[in-house]
N, C-alpha and C. Protein backbone atom coordinates (compact mmCIF):
# COMPACT_ATOMS: atom_id res chain seq x y z
N MET A 1 -62.50 -69.95 1.88
CA MET A 1 -61.61 -68.96 1.89
C MET A 1 -60.50 -68.96 2.90
N TYR A 2 -60.98 -69.37 4.07
CA TYR A 2 -60.05 -69.49 5.20
C TYR A 2 -59.11 -70.61 4.98
N ARG A 3 -59.62 -71.77 4.43
CA ARG A 3 -58.86 -72.97 4.07
C ARG A 3 -57.78 -72.75 3.15
N ARG A 4 -57.96 -72.04 2.14
CA ARG A 4 -57.05 -71.50 0.95
C ARG A 4 -55.92 -70.76 1.57
N LEU A 5 -56.23 -69.79 2.43
CA LEU A 5 -55.27 -68.83 3.02
C LEU A 5 -54.36 -69.74 4.04
N ALA A 6 -54.90 -70.69 4.91
CA ALA A 6 -54.24 -71.58 5.67
C ALA A 6 -53.27 -72.38 4.96
N THR A 7 -53.79 -73.01 3.60
CA THR A 7 -52.83 -73.78 2.91
C THR A 7 -51.70 -72.95 2.21
N ARG A 8 -52.02 -71.74 1.69
CA ARG A 8 -50.87 -70.75 1.17
C ARG A 8 -49.96 -70.50 2.36
N ALA A 9 -50.42 -70.09 3.56
CA ALA A 9 -49.53 -69.81 4.55
C ALA A 9 -48.58 -70.97 4.94
N GLY A 10 -49.17 -72.19 4.94
CA GLY A 10 -48.33 -73.38 5.19
C GLY A 10 -47.37 -73.52 4.25
N ARG A 11 -47.56 -73.30 2.92
CA ARG A 11 -46.56 -73.45 1.86
C ARG A 11 -45.55 -72.46 2.06
N LEU A 12 -45.90 -71.24 2.24
CA LEU A 12 -44.86 -70.12 2.53
C LEU A 12 -43.98 -70.48 3.69
N THR A 13 -44.64 -70.93 4.81
CA THR A 13 -43.79 -71.27 5.95
C THR A 13 -42.69 -72.28 5.69
N VAL A 14 -43.23 -73.36 4.91
CA VAL A 14 -42.29 -74.50 4.57
C VAL A 14 -41.32 -74.14 3.78
N ALA A 15 -41.57 -73.27 2.65
CA ALA A 15 -40.68 -72.60 1.80
C ALA A 15 -39.69 -71.60 2.48
N GLY A 16 -40.13 -70.96 3.36
CA GLY A 16 -39.23 -69.98 4.24
C GLY A 16 -38.30 -70.88 5.06
N VAL A 17 -38.78 -71.93 5.61
CA VAL A 17 -37.83 -72.78 6.52
C VAL A 17 -36.79 -73.48 5.69
N LEU A 18 -37.25 -73.95 4.44
CA LEU A 18 -36.24 -74.58 3.57
C LEU A 18 -35.41 -73.81 3.01
N ALA A 19 -35.77 -72.46 2.66
CA ALA A 19 -34.72 -71.35 1.99
C ALA A 19 -33.71 -70.95 3.25
N ALA A 20 -34.23 -70.89 4.55
CA ALA A 20 -33.28 -70.50 5.50
C ALA A 20 -32.28 -71.64 5.95
N THR A 21 -32.72 -72.90 5.76
CA THR A 21 -31.96 -74.00 6.02
C THR A 21 -30.84 -74.15 4.93
N ALA A 22 -31.36 -73.87 3.69
CA ALA A 22 -30.35 -73.95 2.58
C ALA A 22 -29.31 -72.84 2.78
N ALA A 23 -29.69 -71.64 3.04
CA ALA A 23 -28.72 -70.73 3.21
C ALA A 23 -27.85 -70.95 4.41
N GLY A 24 -28.33 -71.38 5.48
CA GLY A 24 -27.39 -71.77 6.75
C GLY A 24 -26.43 -72.86 6.26
N THR A 25 -26.99 -73.83 5.52
CA THR A 25 -26.01 -74.99 5.14
C THR A 25 -24.85 -74.39 4.11
N ALA A 26 -25.32 -73.57 3.28
CA ALA A 26 -24.33 -72.92 2.39
C ALA A 26 -23.25 -72.10 3.24
N LEU A 27 -23.78 -71.46 4.22
CA LEU A 27 -22.89 -70.61 4.97
C LEU A 27 -21.92 -71.60 5.76
N PHE A 28 -22.43 -72.61 6.30
CA PHE A 28 -21.33 -73.52 7.05
C PHE A 28 -20.78 -74.51 6.17
N ALA A 29 -21.18 -74.65 4.94
CA ALA A 29 -20.43 -75.62 4.09
C ALA A 29 -19.05 -75.18 3.43
N ALA A 30 -19.01 -73.66 3.53
CA ALA A 30 -17.78 -73.13 3.07
C ALA A 30 -16.63 -73.75 3.73
N PRO A 31 -15.56 -73.98 3.02
CA PRO A 31 -14.15 -74.51 3.61
C PRO A 31 -13.76 -73.36 4.52
N ALA A 32 -13.11 -73.82 5.54
CA ALA A 32 -12.44 -72.98 6.60
C ALA A 32 -11.30 -72.15 5.92
N GLU A 33 -10.59 -72.52 4.89
CA GLU A 33 -9.79 -71.88 4.22
C GLU A 33 -10.08 -70.95 3.26
N ALA A 34 -11.20 -70.69 3.05
CA ALA A 34 -11.89 -69.69 2.17
C ALA A 34 -11.84 -68.34 2.52
N THR A 35 -10.77 -67.93 3.33
CA THR A 35 -10.73 -66.64 3.67
C THR A 35 -9.95 -65.86 2.70
N PRO A 36 -10.05 -64.41 2.66
CA PRO A 36 -9.28 -63.66 1.74
C PRO A 36 -7.72 -63.86 2.07
N ASP A 37 -7.36 -64.01 3.30
CA ASP A 37 -6.13 -64.31 3.52
C ASP A 37 -5.82 -65.76 3.79
N GLY A 38 -5.41 -66.44 2.85
CA GLY A 38 -5.40 -67.87 2.88
C GLY A 38 -4.31 -68.44 4.07
N ALA A 39 -3.48 -67.68 4.44
CA ALA A 39 -2.52 -68.08 5.66
C ALA A 39 -3.11 -67.90 6.94
N ALA A 40 -4.47 -67.27 6.95
CA ALA A 40 -4.87 -67.22 8.29
C ALA A 40 -4.74 -68.25 9.30
N ARG A 41 -4.76 -69.53 8.84
CA ARG A 41 -4.79 -70.74 9.67
C ARG A 41 -3.68 -71.47 9.41
N ALA A 42 -2.59 -70.97 8.91
CA ALA A 42 -1.38 -71.73 8.60
C ALA A 42 -0.41 -71.73 9.92
N TYR A 43 -0.12 -72.87 10.31
CA TYR A 43 0.94 -72.89 11.35
C TYR A 43 1.97 -73.77 11.24
N GLY A 44 2.98 -73.75 11.99
CA GLY A 44 4.13 -74.56 12.01
C GLY A 44 4.73 -74.81 13.36
N THR A 45 5.48 -75.76 13.54
CA THR A 45 6.07 -76.06 14.85
C THR A 45 7.71 -76.10 14.71
N VAL A 46 8.31 -75.48 15.72
CA VAL A 46 9.72 -75.49 15.69
C VAL A 46 10.41 -76.77 15.97
N SER A 47 11.14 -77.32 14.95
CA SER A 47 11.59 -78.63 15.23
C SER A 47 13.05 -78.81 15.69
N ALA A 48 13.86 -77.50 15.57
CA ALA A 48 15.15 -77.51 15.93
C ALA A 48 15.29 -77.43 17.51
N ARG A 49 16.06 -78.59 17.99
CA ARG A 49 16.10 -78.66 19.36
C ARG A 49 16.78 -77.57 20.22
N THR A 50 17.45 -76.71 19.60
CA THR A 50 18.11 -75.51 20.21
C THR A 50 17.33 -74.35 19.93
N GLY A 51 16.11 -74.40 19.15
CA GLY A 51 15.24 -73.38 18.83
C GLY A 51 15.61 -72.84 17.51
N VAL A 52 15.07 -71.74 16.99
CA VAL A 52 15.35 -71.23 15.66
C VAL A 52 15.38 -69.68 15.84
N ASN A 53 16.28 -69.00 15.29
CA ASN A 53 16.39 -67.56 15.26
C ASN A 53 15.28 -66.81 14.24
N GLU A 54 14.59 -65.90 14.96
CA GLU A 54 13.76 -65.00 14.15
C GLU A 54 14.72 -63.93 13.65
N ARG A 55 14.56 -63.65 12.41
CA ARG A 55 15.45 -62.85 11.71
C ARG A 55 14.76 -61.50 11.00
N ALA A 56 15.43 -60.42 10.92
CA ALA A 56 14.68 -59.32 10.28
C ALA A 56 14.48 -59.39 8.77
N LEU A 57 15.23 -60.16 8.10
CA LEU A 57 14.94 -60.46 6.73
C LEU A 57 15.22 -62.04 6.52
N PRO A 58 14.97 -62.55 5.46
CA PRO A 58 15.08 -63.97 5.14
C PRO A 58 16.51 -64.38 4.87
N SER A 59 17.38 -64.21 5.68
CA SER A 59 18.79 -64.50 5.40
C SER A 59 19.50 -64.57 6.86
N THR A 60 20.66 -65.51 6.93
CA THR A 60 21.34 -65.63 7.94
C THR A 60 22.24 -64.38 8.34
N ASP A 61 22.48 -63.50 7.33
CA ASP A 61 23.15 -62.23 7.62
C ASP A 61 22.28 -61.20 8.27
N ALA A 62 20.91 -61.31 8.28
CA ALA A 62 20.05 -60.36 8.82
C ALA A 62 20.23 -60.51 10.29
N SER A 63 19.84 -59.37 11.09
CA SER A 63 19.83 -59.32 12.51
C SER A 63 18.88 -60.16 13.22
N VAL A 64 19.28 -60.84 14.19
CA VAL A 64 18.49 -61.71 15.03
C VAL A 64 17.49 -60.89 15.93
N ARG A 65 16.18 -61.11 15.84
CA ARG A 65 15.19 -60.27 16.51
C ARG A 65 14.57 -61.15 17.74
N GLY A 66 14.88 -62.30 17.73
CA GLY A 66 14.36 -63.21 18.85
C GLY A 66 14.67 -64.75 18.48
N ILE A 67 14.33 -65.57 19.36
CA ILE A 67 14.65 -67.03 19.42
C ILE A 67 13.44 -67.76 19.73
N LEU A 68 12.79 -68.60 18.80
CA LEU A 68 11.81 -69.45 19.17
C LEU A 68 12.15 -70.78 19.69
N ARG A 69 11.59 -71.14 20.84
CA ARG A 69 11.89 -72.38 21.43
C ARG A 69 11.39 -73.74 20.68
N HIS A 70 12.13 -74.78 21.02
CA HIS A 70 11.68 -76.03 20.44
C HIS A 70 10.27 -76.33 20.80
N ARG A 71 9.59 -76.89 19.76
CA ARG A 71 8.09 -77.37 19.86
C ARG A 71 7.12 -76.14 20.06
N ILE A 72 7.59 -75.01 19.85
CA ILE A 72 6.67 -73.92 19.98
C ILE A 72 5.78 -73.74 18.70
N GLN A 73 4.52 -73.56 18.72
CA GLN A 73 3.59 -73.50 17.51
C GLN A 73 3.64 -72.00 17.11
N ILE A 74 3.97 -71.80 15.82
CA ILE A 74 3.80 -70.24 15.29
C ILE A 74 2.92 -70.10 14.17
N GLY A 75 2.37 -69.15 14.01
CA GLY A 75 1.38 -68.58 12.84
C GLY A 75 2.32 -68.15 11.63
N LEU A 76 2.03 -68.62 10.42
CA LEU A 76 2.83 -68.25 9.38
C LEU A 76 2.08 -67.47 8.53
N ARG A 77 2.74 -66.27 8.07
CA ARG A 77 1.83 -65.35 7.07
C ARG A 77 2.13 -65.70 5.54
N CYS A 78 3.40 -65.85 5.18
CA CYS A 78 3.73 -66.05 3.83
C CYS A 78 5.08 -66.62 3.76
N LYS A 79 5.51 -67.13 2.40
CA LYS A 79 6.86 -67.67 2.40
C LYS A 79 7.55 -67.16 1.08
N VAL A 80 8.82 -66.99 1.22
CA VAL A 80 9.64 -66.68 0.06
C VAL A 80 10.79 -67.60 -0.13
N ARG A 81 11.48 -67.47 -1.40
CA ARG A 81 12.59 -68.38 -1.56
C ARG A 81 13.76 -67.52 -1.43
N ALA A 82 14.66 -67.72 -0.61
CA ALA A 82 15.69 -66.90 -0.29
C ALA A 82 16.92 -67.80 -0.15
N GLN A 83 17.83 -67.51 0.95
CA GLN A 83 19.03 -68.22 1.22
C GLN A 83 18.80 -69.64 1.54
N ASP A 84 19.50 -70.51 0.88
CA ASP A 84 19.44 -71.93 1.07
C ASP A 84 20.02 -72.35 2.55
N ILE A 85 19.34 -73.04 3.20
CA ILE A 85 19.64 -73.53 4.59
C ILE A 85 19.60 -75.07 4.48
N GLY A 86 20.62 -75.67 4.37
CA GLY A 86 20.68 -77.29 4.54
C GLY A 86 19.83 -77.78 3.34
N GLY A 87 19.71 -77.32 2.18
CA GLY A 87 19.08 -77.79 1.12
C GLY A 87 17.51 -77.25 1.02
N ASN A 88 17.13 -76.32 1.86
CA ASN A 88 15.79 -75.85 1.68
C ASN A 88 15.91 -74.29 1.67
N ASN A 89 15.48 -73.62 0.61
CA ASN A 89 15.52 -72.32 0.44
C ASN A 89 14.28 -71.49 0.76
N VAL A 90 13.30 -72.03 1.38
CA VAL A 90 12.26 -71.42 1.79
C VAL A 90 12.31 -70.81 3.29
N TRP A 91 11.57 -69.72 3.32
CA TRP A 91 11.72 -68.90 4.41
C TRP A 91 10.11 -68.61 4.86
N TYR A 92 9.81 -68.50 6.28
CA TYR A 92 8.45 -68.00 6.48
C TYR A 92 8.52 -66.76 7.16
N GLN A 93 7.60 -65.74 6.95
CA GLN A 93 7.40 -64.71 7.79
C GLN A 93 6.23 -64.95 8.86
N LEU A 94 6.54 -64.60 10.02
CA LEU A 94 5.58 -64.96 11.12
C LEU A 94 4.30 -64.01 10.95
N ARG A 95 3.24 -64.48 11.39
CA ARG A 95 1.92 -63.87 11.16
C ARG A 95 1.75 -62.68 12.16
N ASP A 96 2.21 -62.62 13.31
CA ASP A 96 2.07 -61.73 14.35
C ASP A 96 3.08 -60.66 14.42
N ARG A 97 4.35 -60.84 13.66
CA ARG A 97 5.33 -59.83 13.71
C ARG A 97 6.02 -59.94 12.34
N GLN A 98 6.86 -58.90 12.16
CA GLN A 98 7.60 -58.84 10.86
C GLN A 98 9.06 -59.43 11.05
N THR A 99 9.09 -60.76 11.25
CA THR A 99 10.36 -61.46 11.32
C THR A 99 10.11 -62.80 10.57
N TRP A 100 11.18 -63.38 10.21
CA TRP A 100 11.47 -64.65 9.28
C TRP A 100 12.10 -65.59 10.10
N VAL A 101 11.68 -66.88 9.64
CA VAL A 101 12.32 -68.11 10.19
C VAL A 101 12.59 -68.93 9.09
N ALA A 102 13.74 -69.81 9.05
CA ALA A 102 13.97 -70.62 7.99
C ALA A 102 13.05 -72.00 8.10
N ALA A 103 12.53 -72.22 6.92
CA ALA A 103 11.64 -73.46 6.92
C ALA A 103 12.12 -74.81 7.12
N LYS A 104 13.66 -74.84 7.20
CA LYS A 104 14.40 -76.05 7.43
C LYS A 104 14.08 -76.55 8.88
N TYR A 105 13.66 -75.49 9.69
CA TYR A 105 13.59 -75.70 11.30
C TYR A 105 12.10 -75.75 11.60
N ILE A 106 11.23 -75.79 10.58
CA ILE A 106 9.72 -75.71 10.89
C ILE A 106 9.01 -77.17 10.51
N ASP A 107 8.47 -77.69 11.30
CA ASP A 107 7.58 -78.92 11.04
C ASP A 107 6.17 -78.72 10.76
N ASP A 108 5.59 -79.42 10.28
CA ASP A 108 3.94 -79.40 10.09
C ASP A 108 3.52 -78.13 9.24
N LYS A 109 4.41 -77.89 8.20
CA LYS A 109 4.21 -76.76 7.38
C LYS A 109 2.84 -76.88 6.67
N ALA A 110 2.07 -75.87 6.71
CA ALA A 110 0.82 -75.92 5.89
C ALA A 110 0.89 -75.72 4.58
N ALA A 111 0.37 -76.44 3.72
CA ALA A 111 0.50 -76.33 2.35
C ALA A 111 -0.12 -75.02 1.74
N ASN A 112 -1.05 -74.33 2.44
CA ASN A 112 -1.70 -73.24 2.06
C ASN A 112 -0.85 -72.00 2.43
N VAL A 113 0.26 -72.04 2.70
CA VAL A 113 1.09 -70.66 2.96
C VAL A 113 1.27 -70.11 1.64
N PRO A 114 0.91 -68.82 1.56
CA PRO A 114 1.19 -68.34 -0.04
C PRO A 114 2.44 -67.66 0.00
N TYR A 115 2.95 -67.37 -1.17
CA TYR A 115 4.29 -66.76 -1.41
C TYR A 115 3.97 -65.27 -1.14
N CYS A 116 4.98 -64.69 -0.57
CA CYS A 116 4.89 -63.09 -0.30
C CYS A 116 4.95 -62.30 -1.60
N ARG A 117 4.06 -61.51 -1.87
CA ARG A 117 4.13 -60.65 -3.09
C ARG A 117 4.96 -59.42 -2.85
N MET A 118 4.80 -58.90 -1.89
CA MET A 118 5.46 -57.50 -1.59
C MET A 118 6.52 -57.76 -0.32
N LEU A 119 7.68 -57.29 -0.66
CA LEU A 119 8.73 -57.24 0.37
C LEU A 119 9.40 -55.87 0.31
N ASN A 120 9.78 -55.27 1.51
CA ASN A 120 10.49 -54.05 1.54
C ASN A 120 11.90 -54.45 1.45
N ARG A 121 12.47 -53.98 0.21
CA ARG A 121 13.82 -54.30 -0.09
C ARG A 121 14.67 -53.08 -0.23
N SER A 122 15.92 -53.18 0.06
CA SER A 122 16.77 -51.90 -0.05
C SER A 122 17.32 -51.97 -1.46
N ALA A 123 17.90 -50.87 -1.95
CA ALA A 123 18.35 -50.94 -3.28
C ALA A 123 19.57 -51.87 -3.38
N VAL A 124 20.33 -52.27 -2.39
CA VAL A 124 21.40 -53.15 -2.39
C VAL A 124 20.64 -54.47 -2.83
N ASP A 125 19.59 -54.88 -2.28
CA ASP A 125 18.86 -56.12 -2.52
C ASP A 125 18.16 -56.33 -4.03
N ASP A 126 18.29 -55.03 -4.72
CA ASP A 126 17.59 -55.04 -6.00
C ASP A 126 18.28 -55.52 -7.03
N SER A 127 19.01 -56.75 -7.04
CA SER A 127 19.62 -57.22 -8.20
C SER A 127 18.72 -58.31 -8.85
N PRO A 128 19.02 -58.76 -10.05
CA PRO A 128 18.17 -59.71 -10.71
C PRO A 128 18.06 -61.05 -10.01
N ALA A 129 19.36 -61.30 -9.43
CA ALA A 129 19.32 -62.70 -8.53
C ALA A 129 18.50 -62.56 -7.44
N SER A 130 18.44 -61.56 -6.74
CA SER A 130 17.56 -61.26 -5.55
C SER A 130 16.01 -61.15 -6.01
N ARG A 131 15.80 -60.57 -7.04
CA ARG A 131 14.28 -60.43 -7.40
C ARG A 131 13.77 -61.71 -7.74
N SER A 132 14.52 -62.52 -8.60
CA SER A 132 14.08 -63.88 -8.89
C SER A 132 14.07 -65.00 -7.69
N ALA A 133 14.77 -64.60 -6.64
CA ALA A 133 14.82 -65.48 -5.42
C ALA A 133 13.53 -65.13 -4.39
N MET A 134 13.10 -64.07 -4.70
CA MET A 134 11.88 -63.57 -3.65
C MET A 134 10.57 -64.34 -3.99
N GLY A 135 10.54 -65.10 -4.95
CA GLY A 135 9.25 -65.90 -5.10
C GLY A 135 8.36 -64.92 -5.87
């Protein structure tokens, strides 16, 4: 009887270890970008030698909220298609604040930066051309 219990206990222990190992492997095997917020790891580096203006909205007509220096790394939340700057009409919203930078001046753009779905626009911006440009 004792031998039978020891054998069963050994099988259970091995099965438990294998199950725990498989669960741990599955936990760590998930890709780093499998977060609900796909842009959580998206970064860019300012490439303009004079820096780049942070804007209140994705347009050069919007007020300047700050300046990012050359080679500074910034977190990117999302992107929109808006005003064309030198052949590039993509703008990024920064992750840590509600400001925008032109993608023309950002290097190392992460491919996983999602398009913004919701923007606070004024009634003036609610034209068909503006709605189609917002991505």
